[in-house]
Every structure is written in C-alpha cells, then in structure tokens.
Amino acid sequence: MEQYSRLDTRTQSAVQSELVRMLDEAAAVAGLDRSAWIRQPQGDLEFAVLPEDTPEDAVLGPLVHHLAVRLWDRNARPAAQRVRLRMALDTGVAVDAALGHAGPAPVAVARYVNAPQLRALLATLTAADLAVIVSDRLYQDVVRAGWPDLDPAQYTRVHIRVKEFGGYGWVRVPGHAPDDVRSAVAEAPEPKPEPEPSRDPGDPSRTPLSQHVNQGAAVGRDVVGGLTIGAVGLPVPPPSAGSGPTR
C-alpha cells in the first residue's frame, strides 16, 4: 500500500501489530466485540465482516472517532513512524469463499478503499491520519437517520469508478472541516468509464458488460447482511504540525 512496501521487514511487522492494536482498542471503547468479527488479514490491510446485528451507528460514529484519536496519539510520539489509514465501509452480502469472501459488499469495500478520491484526501490534507468512505446505502440508511454521533454535513459525496466498479460513496476526514474535504476531493481526477467490450453486431441480445456493472453500481441496494469494513495502513514519514481529532 503506497509507502508501506518501502519499509523494511522489521518495521512492516511493527506497523501491522500497531494497526491491530489500535483497531482492538477503538472497537473495545466503542462497545464492539472484535472477537466476533470474521477477520481476513492482508499485510497492511485488514478486511473484516461484522456480525449481522452490529449497530451500524456504533461503527460509523464511535469506532471511527476512537480510531482517529489513537492514530493521532500514536503519530504524535517523537520519532514515531507515521501511520495513515484509509477506511471503507459497506453493508450487504458477504459469504465465505475459498479465498476469503464473495459477494457485492466485499467487492465494494475493496474498490472504495482504493478510490482515487480517498487517496487524494490523504495526499492533500497532510495533517490527516484517517480518511473514511461509506457506501451510498449506509449513508442514506444510517448517516441521514439522525443518530447522535453522525452528522450528514460532515460527508461529501463522490463518484467512484475503480476497474469495472462504479457507484457513489460519501467521504469524511475526522478533524477536518467539510469544506477542506470538498476542496481536496475536487483535486482528484474524474473517474473515466471503462471501455465497453466489443460485441457481435449480429447478436443484439448481448449487452455490454459495463451496462451490467452500472446497473449494479448501487452495490448492495437490494441485499441485506452483516456490515463489512476494510482498513488500510499507510506508513509515511513524520508530518508537519497539524491539528488532530477532538477527543
């Protein structure tokens, strides 16, 4: 993940351990039981499927807040190897498969977490330690529902297109004003549609693959299931002074 590969083996191991520790601590303070999560470690990334009865507002609110606080505290230590995270969340079908999980939610999380807009946020907002993106479904069903710890005004809508995936997501950066987030997102390149595969002109029944993808780009609008999250660590050199998230 970006500069993670530039670290030596010992530092990579240390960063992985710290990422797990911070996730464990943030979840515990948020009242979430990490032992009940189905976790799939991937080096500097952890993909997790949460129990179906997990309160989504606890994940989008307290978990994100406490993770941001722990990142700020850790990165403020003298000579600490800075860790910055991208976090993606979606809700929908995620089933066990031979190499991990299958379903629209795992695919969406993988695409969201690699969205150019999320990368642009961390590249532009150099004092930020955490950038979060949630699916349109989560935003509409949970963020806008009026839960105490969730403020819809803190989120900015973005159009995501990564590989064959296309859809809308909502981004926020804890500790940063929405106007700053919108400005940073505006610097990201506009997503370009995937070229349509060639088709046999004599077979009008064959619809280009991109149309099928776009029709499903709501990513789980018509499915239910456990909450799926992904978090990616991005170790980078120590930052310049900046303001961290409010406790």
C-alpha atoms as a PDB file:
ATOM      1  CA  MET A   1       0.000   0.000   0.000  1.00  0.00           C
ATOM      2  CA  GLU A   2       1.858   3.031  -1.274  1.00  0.00           C
ATOM      3  CA  GLN A   3       4.816   3.647   1.049  1.00  0.00           C
ATOM      4  CA  TYR A   4       4.277   0.530   3.156  1.00  0.00           C
ATOM      5  CA  SER A   5       6.339  -1.506   0.699  1.00  0.00           C
ATOM      6  CA  ARG A   6       9.278   0.856   1.232  1.00  0.00           C
ATOM      7  CA  LEU A   7       9.589  -0.158   4.876  1.00  0.00           C
ATOM      8  CA  ASP A   8      11.994  -2.861   5.949  1.00  0.00           C
ATOM      9  CA  THR A   9      10.668  -6.173   7.214  1.00  0.00           C
ATOM     10  CA  ARG A  10      11.035  -5.316  10.892  1.00  0.00           C
ATOM     11  CA  THR A  11       9.175  -2.020  10.535  1.00  0.00           C
ATOM     12  CA  GLN A  12       6.408  -3.634   8.473  1.00  0.00           C
ATOM     13  CA  SER A  13       5.887  -6.185  11.227  1.00  0.00           C
ATOM     14  CA  ALA A  14       5.742  -3.471  13.883  1.00  0.00           C
ATOM     15  CA  VAL A  15       3.270  -1.385  11.871  1.00  0.00           C
ATOM     16  CA  GLN A  16       0.976  -4.376  11.375  1.00  0.00           C
ATOM     17  CA  SER A  17       0.955  -5.080  15.119  1.00  0.00           C
ATOM     18  CA  GLU A  18       0.145  -1.470  15.910  1.00  0.00           C
ATOM     19  CA  LEU A  19      -2.678  -1.389  13.388  1.00  0.00           C
ATOM     20  CA  VAL A  20      -4.286  -4.434  15.011  1.00  0.00           C
ATOM     21  CA  ARG A  21      -3.793  -2.938  18.485  1.00  0.00           C
ATOM     22  CA  MET A  22      -5.423   0.351  17.512  1.00  0.00           C
ATOM     23  CA  LEU A  23      -8.379  -1.418  15.908  1.00  0.00           C
ATOM     24  CA  ASP A  24      -8.777  -3.615  19.005  1.00  0.00           C
ATOM     25  CA  GLU A  25      -8.717  -0.632  21.356  1.00  0.00           C
ATOM     26  CA  ALA A  26     -11.040   1.519  19.247  1.00  0.00           C
ATOM     27  CA  ALA A  27     -13.567  -1.304  18.929  1.00  0.00           C
ATOM     28  CA  ALA A  28     -13.492  -2.030  22.677  1.00  0.00           C
ATOM     29  CA  VAL A  29     -14.140   1.612  23.596  1.00  0.00           C
ATOM     30  CA  ALA A  30     -16.939   1.729  21.010  1.00  0.00           C
ATOM     31  CA  GLY A  31     -18.569  -1.317  22.631  1.00  0.00           C
ATOM     32  CA  LEU A  32     -17.841  -3.673  19.722  1.00  0.00           C
ATOM     33  CA  ASP A  33     -16.596  -7.235  20.207  1.00  0.00           C
ATOM     34  CA  ARG A  34     -13.702  -7.781  17.788  1.00  0.00           C
ATOM     35  CA  SER A  35     -13.557 -11.473  18.696  1.00  0.00           C
ATOM     36  CA  ALA A  36     -16.894 -11.882  16.896  1.00  0.00           C
ATOM     37  CA  TRP A  37     -15.579 -10.340  13.673  1.00  0.00           C
ATOM     38  CA  ILE A  38     -14.551 -12.561  10.790  1.00  0.00           C
ATOM     39  CA  ARG A  39     -11.164 -11.038  10.041  1.00  0.00           C
ATOM     40  CA  GLN A  40      -9.026 -11.533   6.969  1.00  0.00           C
ATOM     41  CA  PRO A  41      -5.534 -10.050   7.462  1.00  0.00           C
ATOM     42  CA  GLN A  42      -3.782  -8.871   4.307  1.00  0.00           C
ATOM     43  CA  GLY A  43      -0.481  -7.388   5.377  1.00  0.00           C
ATOM     44  CA  ASP A  44      -1.085  -3.683   5.893  1.00  0.00           C
ATOM     45  CA  LEU A  45      -4.825  -4.184   5.456  1.00  0.00           C
ATOM     46  CA  GLU A  46      -7.492  -5.933   7.469  1.00  0.00           C
ATOM     47  CA  PHE A  47     -10.765  -6.948   5.852  1.00  0.00           C
ATOM     48  CA  ALA A  48     -13.472  -7.763   8.396  1.00  0.00           C
ATOM     49  CA  VAL A  49     -17.069  -8.969   8.270  1.00  0.00           C
ATOM     50  CA  LEU A  50     -19.014  -7.909  11.348  1.00  0.00           C
ATOM     51  CA  PRO A  51     -21.945  -9.788  12.906  1.00  0.00           C
ATOM     52  CA  GLU A  52     -25.290  -9.057  11.305  1.00  0.00           C
ATOM     53  CA  ASP A  53     -26.663  -7.497  14.498  1.00  0.00           C
ATOM     54  CA  THR A  54     -23.818  -4.960  14.782  1.00  0.00           C
ATOM     55  CA  PRO A  55     -25.242  -1.438  15.246  1.00  0.00           C
ATOM     56  CA  GLU A  56     -24.067   0.463  12.204  1.00  0.00           C
ATOM     57  CA  ASP A  57     -24.086   3.795  14.035  1.00  0.00           C
ATOM     58  CA  ALA A  58     -21.538   2.436  16.549  1.00  0.00           C
ATOM     59  CA  VAL A  59     -19.184   1.623  13.682  1.00  0.00           C
ATOM     60  CA  LEU A  60     -19.657   4.845  11.717  1.00  0.00           C
ATOM     61  CA  GLY A  61     -19.538   7.011  14.847  1.00  0.00           C
ATOM     62  CA  PRO A  62     -17.592   5.825  17.937  1.00  0.00           C
ATOM     63  CA  LEU A  63     -15.345   3.285  16.188  1.00  0.00           C
ATOM     64  CA  VAL A  64     -14.172   5.801  13.596  1.00  0.00           C
ATOM     65  CA  HIS A  65     -13.730   8.518  16.234  1.00  0.00           C
ATOM     66  CA  HIS A  66     -11.691   6.394  18.637  1.00  0.00           C
ATOM     67  CA  LEU A  67      -9.541   5.002  15.830  1.00  0.00           C
ATOM     68  CA  ALA A  68      -8.762   8.562  14.713  1.00  0.00           C
ATOM     69  CA  VAL A  69      -7.832   9.551  18.275  1.00  0.00           C
ATOM     70  CA  ARG A  70      -5.497   6.572  18.651  1.00  0.00           C
ATOM     71  CA  LEU A  71      -3.847   7.334  15.338  1.00  0.00           C
ATOM     72  CA  TRP A  72      -3.276  10.933  16.389  1.00  0.00           C
ATOM     73  CA  ASP A  73      -1.821   9.905  19.759  1.00  0.00           C
ATOM     74  CA  ARG A  74       0.471   7.351  18.147  1.00  0.00           C
ATOM     75  CA  ASN A  75       1.706   9.628  15.383  1.00  0.00           C
ATOM     76  CA  ALA A  76       2.364  12.437  17.858  1.00  0.00           C
ATOM     77  CA  ARG A  77       5.019  10.366  19.617  1.00  0.00           C
ATOM     78  CA  PRO A  78       8.566  11.607  18.972  1.00  0.00           C
ATOM     79  CA  ALA A  79      10.280   9.789  16.100  1.00  0.00           C
ATOM     80  CA  ALA A  80       7.224   7.582  15.511  1.00  0.00           C
ATOM     81  CA  GLN A  81       6.881   6.021  12.072  1.00  0.00           C
ATOM     82  CA  ARG A  82       3.698   7.716  10.948  1.00  0.00           C
ATOM     83  CA  VAL A  83       0.707   5.546  10.067  1.00  0.00           C
ATOM     84  CA  ARG A  84      -2.178   6.896   7.979  1.00  0.00           C
ATOM     85  CA  LEU A  85      -5.297   4.911   7.204  1.00  0.00           C
ATOM     86  CA  ARG A  86      -7.958   4.643   4.546  1.00  0.00           C
ATOM     87  CA  MET A  87     -11.152   3.005   5.792  1.00  0.00           C
ATOM     88  CA  ALA A  88     -14.094   1.797   3.697  1.00  0.00           C
ATOM     89  CA  LEU A  89     -17.457   0.546   4.941  1.00  0.00           C
ATOM     90  CA  ASP A  90     -20.420  -1.072   3.250  1.00  0.00           C
ATOM     91  CA  THR A  91     -23.341  -3.296   4.177  1.00  0.00           C
ATOM     92  CA  GLY A  92     -24.586  -6.227   2.141  1.00  0.00           C
ATOM     93  CA  VAL A  93     -23.983  -9.838   1.209  1.00  0.00           C
ATOM     94  CA  ALA A  94     -20.610 -11.346   2.175  1.00  0.00           C
ATOM     95  CA  VAL A  95     -20.327 -15.133   2.093  1.00  0.00           C
ATOM     96  CA  ASP A  96     -17.445 -17.449   2.904  1.00  0.00           C
ATOM     97  CA  ALA A  97     -15.435 -18.493  -0.149  1.00  0.00           C
ATOM     98  CA  ALA A  98     -12.304 -20.496  -0.898  1.00  0.00           C
ATOM     99  CA  LEU A  99     -10.027 -17.433  -0.836  1.00  0.00           C
ATOM    100  CA  GLY A 100     -11.883 -15.349   1.732  1.00  0.00           C
ATOM    101  CA  HIS A 101     -15.298 -13.864   0.975  1.00  0.00           C
ATOM    102  CA  ALA A 102     -17.532 -13.386  -2.044  1.00  0.00           C
ATOM    103  CA  GLY A 103     -20.413 -11.030  -2.668  1.00  0.00           C
ATOM    104  CA  PRO A 104     -21.136  -7.411  -3.610  1.00  0.00           C
ATOM    105  CA  ALA A 105     -20.083  -5.938  -0.242  1.00  0.00           C
ATOM    106  CA  PRO A 106     -16.504  -7.325  -0.245  1.00  0.00           C
ATOM    107  CA  VAL A 107     -16.024  -6.162  -3.831  1.00  0.00           C
ATOM    108  CA  ALA A 108     -17.390  -2.715  -2.995  1.00  0.00           C
ATOM    109  CA  VAL A 109     -15.153  -2.333   0.065  1.00  0.00           C
ATOM    110  CA  ALA A 110     -12.075  -3.276  -1.968  1.00  0.00           C
ATOM    111  CA  ARG A 111     -12.943  -0.710  -4.630  1.00  0.00           C
ATOM    112  CA  TYR A 112     -13.954   2.046  -2.216  1.00  0.00           C
ATOM    113  CA  VAL A 113     -10.767   1.771  -0.174  1.00  0.00           C
ATOM    114  CA  ASN A 114      -8.699   2.235  -3.340  1.00  0.00           C
ATOM    115  CA  ALA A 115     -10.778   5.103  -4.703  1.00  0.00           C
ATOM    116  CA  PRO A 116      -8.648   7.953  -6.129  1.00  0.00           C
ATOM    117  CA  GLN A 117     -10.708  10.471  -4.121  1.00  0.00           C
ATOM    118  CA  LEU A 118      -9.705   8.783  -0.870  1.00  0.00           C
ATOM    119  CA  ARG A 119      -6.055   8.805  -1.910  1.00  0.00           C
ATOM    120  CA  ALA A 120      -6.367  12.471  -2.884  1.00  0.00           C
ATOM    121  CA  LEU A 121      -7.674  13.321   0.586  1.00  0.00           C
ATOM    122  CA  LEU A 122      -4.560  11.985   2.288  1.00  0.00           C
ATOM    123  CA  ALA A 123      -2.272  13.472  -0.346  1.00  0.00           C
ATOM    124  CA  THR A 124      -3.794  16.942   0.048  1.00  0.00           C
ATOM    125  CA  LEU A 125      -4.705  17.017   3.748  1.00  0.00           C
ATOM    126  CA  THR A 126      -1.226  16.203   5.004  1.00  0.00           C
ATOM    127  CA  ALA A 127      -2.204  16.595   8.673  1.00  0.00           C
ATOM    128  CA  ALA A 128      -4.934  13.941   8.338  1.00  0.00           C
ATOM    129  CA  ASP A 129      -4.359  10.469   9.748  1.00  0.00           C
ATOM    130  CA  LEU A 130      -7.628   8.840   8.664  1.00  0.00           C
ATOM    131  CA  ALA A 131      -9.877   9.140   5.603  1.00  0.00           C
ATOM    132  CA  VAL A 132     -13.206   7.299   5.630  1.00  0.00           C
ATOM    133  CA  ILE A 133     -15.602   6.383   2.854  1.00  0.00           C
ATOM    134  CA  VAL A 134     -19.020   4.790   3.313  1.00  0.00           C
ATOM    135  CA  SER A 135     -21.335   3.382   0.690  1.00  0.00           C
ATOM    136  CA  ASP A 136     -24.340   5.342  -0.505  1.00  0.00           C
ATOM    137  CA  ARG A 137     -26.594   2.738   1.117  1.00  0.00           C
ATOM    138  CA  LEU A 138     -25.004   3.242   4.546  1.00  0.00           C
ATOM    139  CA  TYR A 139     -25.163   6.992   4.178  1.00  0.00           C
ATOM    140  CA  GLN A 140     -28.814   7.037   3.172  1.00  0.00           C
ATOM    141  CA  ASP A 141     -29.978   4.400   5.665  1.00  0.00           C
ATOM    142  CA  VAL A 142     -27.826   5.255   8.684  1.00  0.00           C
ATOM    143  CA  VAL A 143     -25.994   8.594   8.480  1.00  0.00           C
ATOM    144  CA  ARG A 144     -29.089  10.535   7.436  1.00  0.00           C
ATOM    145  CA  ALA A 145     -31.257   8.790  10.031  1.00  0.00           C
ATOM    146  CA  GLY A 146     -30.296  11.319  12.692  1.00  0.00           C
ATOM    147  CA  TRP A 147     -28.159   9.243  15.052  1.00  0.00           C
ATOM    148  CA  PRO A 148     -26.483  11.446  17.723  1.00  0.00           C
ATOM    149  CA  ASP A 149     -22.863  10.759  16.690  1.00  0.00           C
ATOM    150  CA  LEU A 150     -23.462  11.060  12.945  1.00  0.00           C
ATOM    151  CA  ASP A 151     -23.619  14.397  11.145  1.00  0.00           C
ATOM    152  CA  PRO A 152     -24.566  14.153   7.453  1.00  0.00           C
ATOM    153  CA  ALA A 153     -22.976  17.558   6.844  1.00  0.00           C
ATOM    154  CA  GLN A 154     -19.543  16.065   7.571  1.00  0.00           C
ATOM    155  CA  TYR A 155     -19.758  13.819   4.490  1.00  0.00           C
ATOM    156  CA  THR A 156     -19.048  14.680   0.870  1.00  0.00           C
ATOM    157  CA  ARG A 157     -20.493  12.637  -1.988  1.00  0.00           C
ATOM    158  CA  VAL A 158     -18.078  11.280  -4.580  1.00  0.00           C
ATOM    159  CA  HIS A 159     -18.494   9.237  -7.725  1.00  0.00           C
ATOM    160  CA  ILE A 160     -16.240   6.199  -7.595  1.00  0.00           C
ATOM    161  CA  ARG A 161     -15.017   4.240 -10.585  1.00  0.00           C
ATOM    162  CA  VAL A 162     -12.312   1.655  -9.960  1.00  0.00           C
ATOM    163  CA  LYS A 163     -11.773  -1.103 -12.504  1.00  0.00           C
ATOM    164  CA  GLU A 164     -15.235  -2.346 -13.534  1.00  0.00           C
ATOM    165  CA  PHE A 165     -16.882  -0.952 -10.383  1.00  0.00           C
ATOM    166  CA  GLY A 166     -18.864   2.274 -10.434  1.00  0.00           C
ATOM    167  CA  GLY A 167     -21.078   3.939  -7.844  1.00  0.00           C
ATOM    168  CA  TYR A 168     -21.397   6.677  -5.254  1.00  0.00           C
ATOM    169  CA  GLY A 169     -19.777   6.908  -1.846  1.00  0.00           C
ATOM    170  CA  TRP A 170     -19.526   9.501   0.932  1.00  0.00           C
ATOM    171  CA  VAL A 171     -16.191  10.598   2.383  1.00  0.00           C
ATOM    172  CA  ARG A 172     -15.158  12.334   5.584  1.00  0.00           C
ATOM    173  CA  VAL A 173     -11.897  13.090   7.360  1.00  0.00           C
ATOM    174  CA  PRO A 174     -12.135  13.230  11.177  1.00  0.00           C
ATOM    175  CA  GLY A 175     -10.764  16.505  12.497  1.00  0.00           C
ATOM    176  CA  HIS A 176     -11.118  18.341   9.171  1.00  0.00           C
ATOM    177  CA  ALA A 177     -13.863  20.675   8.001  1.00  0.00           C
ATOM    178  CA  PRO A 178     -16.176  19.523   5.189  1.00  0.00           C
ATOM    179  CA  ASP A 179     -15.067  22.467   3.019  1.00  0.00           C
ATOM    180  CA  ASP A 180     -11.448  21.274   3.238  1.00  0.00           C
ATOM    181  CA  VAL A 181     -12.560  17.768   2.322  1.00  0.00           C
ATOM    182  CA  ARG A 182     -14.534  19.004  -0.680  1.00  0.00           C
ATOM    183  CA  SER A 183     -11.569  21.018  -1.909  1.00  0.00           C
ATOM    184  CA  ALA A 184      -9.272  18.009  -1.619  1.00  0.00           C
ATOM    185  CA  VAL A 185     -11.740  15.740  -3.393  1.00  0.00           C
ATOM    186  CA  ALA A 186     -12.028  18.266  -6.219  1.00  0.00           C
ATOM    187  CA  GLU A 187      -8.331  17.766  -6.936  1.00  0.00           C
ATOM    188  CA  ALA A 188      -8.806  14.057  -7.628  1.00  0.00           C
ATOM    189  CA  PRO A 189      -9.045  13.116 -11.318  1.00  0.00           C
ATOM    190  CA  GLU A 190     -12.527  12.484 -12.647  1.00  0.00           C
ATOM    191  CA  PRO A 191     -13.241   8.756 -12.929  1.00  0.00           C
ATOM    192  CA  LYS A 192     -13.271   7.580 -16.516  1.00  0.00           C
ATOM    193  CA  PRO A 193     -15.685   4.893 -17.702  1.00  0.00           C
ATOM    194  CA  GLU A 194     -14.247   1.536 -18.593  1.00  0.00           C
ATOM    195  CA  PRO A 195     -14.203   0.909 -22.361  1.00  0.00           C
ATOM    196  CA  GLU A 196     -17.049  -1.291 -23.483  1.00  0.00           C
ATOM    197  CA  PRO A 197     -16.024  -4.747 -24.655  1.00  0.00           C
ATOM    198  CA  SER A 198     -16.562  -5.474 -28.308  1.00  0.00           C
ATOM    199  CA  ARG A 199     -19.695  -7.403 -29.147  1.00  0.00           C
ATOM    200  CA  ASP A 200     -21.016  -9.290 -32.080  1.00  0.00           C
ATOM    201  CA  PRO A 201     -23.122  -6.844 -34.096  1.00  0.00           C
ATOM    202  CA  GLY A 202     -25.200  -9.772 -35.206  1.00  0.00           C
ATOM    203  CA  ASP A 203     -26.245 -10.537 -31.630  1.00  0.00           C
ATOM    204  CA  PRO A 204     -28.306  -7.572 -30.317  1.00  0.00           C
ATOM    205  CA  SER A 205     -29.192  -9.526 -27.177  1.00  0.00           C
ATOM    206  CA  ARG A 206     -25.641  -9.193 -25.873  1.00  0.00           C
ATOM    207  CA  THR A 207     -25.478  -6.169 -23.586  1.00  0.00           C
ATOM    208  CA  PRO A 208     -22.004  -4.719 -22.947  1.00  0.00           C
ATOM    209  CA  LEU A 209     -20.574  -5.759 -19.611  1.00  0.00           C
ATOM    210  CA  SER A 210     -20.254  -2.148 -18.467  1.00  0.00           C
ATOM    211  CA  GLN A 211     -24.040  -1.768 -18.584  1.00  0.00           C
ATOM    212  CA  HIS A 212     -24.484  -4.742 -16.278  1.00  0.00           C
ATOM    213  CA  VAL A 213     -21.929  -3.249 -13.898  1.00  0.00           C
ATOM    214  CA  ASN A 214     -23.559   0.165 -13.910  1.00  0.00           C
ATOM    215  CA  GLN A 215     -26.963  -1.320 -13.178  1.00  0.00           C
ATOM    216  CA  GLY A 216     -25.444  -2.988 -10.140  1.00  0.00           C
ATOM    217  CA  ALA A 217     -23.410   0.013  -9.109  1.00  0.00           C
ATOM    218  CA  ALA A 218     -25.750   0.758  -6.217  1.00  0.00           C
ATOM    219  CA  VAL A 219     -23.670  -2.011  -4.616  1.00  0.00           C
ATOM    220  CA  GLY A 220     -25.956  -3.903  -2.365  1.00  0.00           C
ATOM    221  CA  ARG A 221     -29.031  -1.686  -2.536  1.00  0.00           C
ATOM    222  CA  ASP A 222     -31.239  -4.757  -2.723  1.00  0.00           C
ATOM    223  CA  VAL A 223     -29.349  -7.013  -0.352  1.00  0.00           C
ATOM    224  CA  VAL A 224     -29.052  -7.328   3.402  1.00  0.00           C
ATOM    225  CA  GLY A 225     -26.408  -8.789   5.647  1.00  0.00           C
ATOM    226  CA  GLY A 226     -23.572  -8.034   8.005  1.00  0.00           C
ATOM    227  CA  LEU A 227     -21.546  -4.874   7.974  1.00  0.00           C
ATOM    228  CA  THR A 228     -18.282  -5.163   6.086  1.00  0.00           C
ATOM    229  CA  ILE A 229     -15.332  -2.899   6.693  1.00  0.00           C
ATOM    230  CA  GLY A 230     -11.789  -2.586   5.464  1.00  0.00           C
ATOM    231  CA  ALA A 231      -8.895  -0.562   6.826  1.00  0.00           C
ATOM    232  CA  VAL A 232      -5.607   0.079   5.071  1.00  0.00           C
ATOM    233  CA  GLY A 233      -2.465   1.349   6.775  1.00  0.00           C
ATOM    234  CA  LEU A 234      -0.246   3.830   5.003  1.00  0.00           C
ATOM    235  CA  PRO A 235       3.026   4.415   6.882  1.00  0.00           C
ATOM    236  CA  VAL A 236       4.662   7.661   5.781  1.00  0.00           C
ATOM    237  CA  PRO A 237       7.390   9.995   7.066  1.00  0.00           C
ATOM    238  CA  PRO A 238       6.545  12.150  10.134  1.00  0.00           C
ATOM    239  CA  PRO A 239       4.195  15.066   9.261  1.00  0.00           C
ATOM    240  CA  SER A 240       4.396  18.748   9.812  1.00  0.00           C
ATOM    241  CA  ALA A 241       2.499  20.088  12.791  1.00  0.00           C
ATOM    242  CA  GLY A 242      -1.277  19.980  12.429  1.00  0.00           C
ATOM    243  CA  SER A 243      -4.449  19.659  14.429  1.00  0.00           C
ATOM    244  CA  GLY A 244      -5.738  16.237  15.375  1.00  0.00           C
ATOM    245  CA  PRO A 245      -9.225  14.923  16.056  1.00  0.00           C
ATOM    246  CA  THR A 246     -11.099  16.300  19.041  1.00  0.00           C
ATOM    247  CA  ARG A 247     -11.380  13.926  21.941  1.00  0.00           C
END
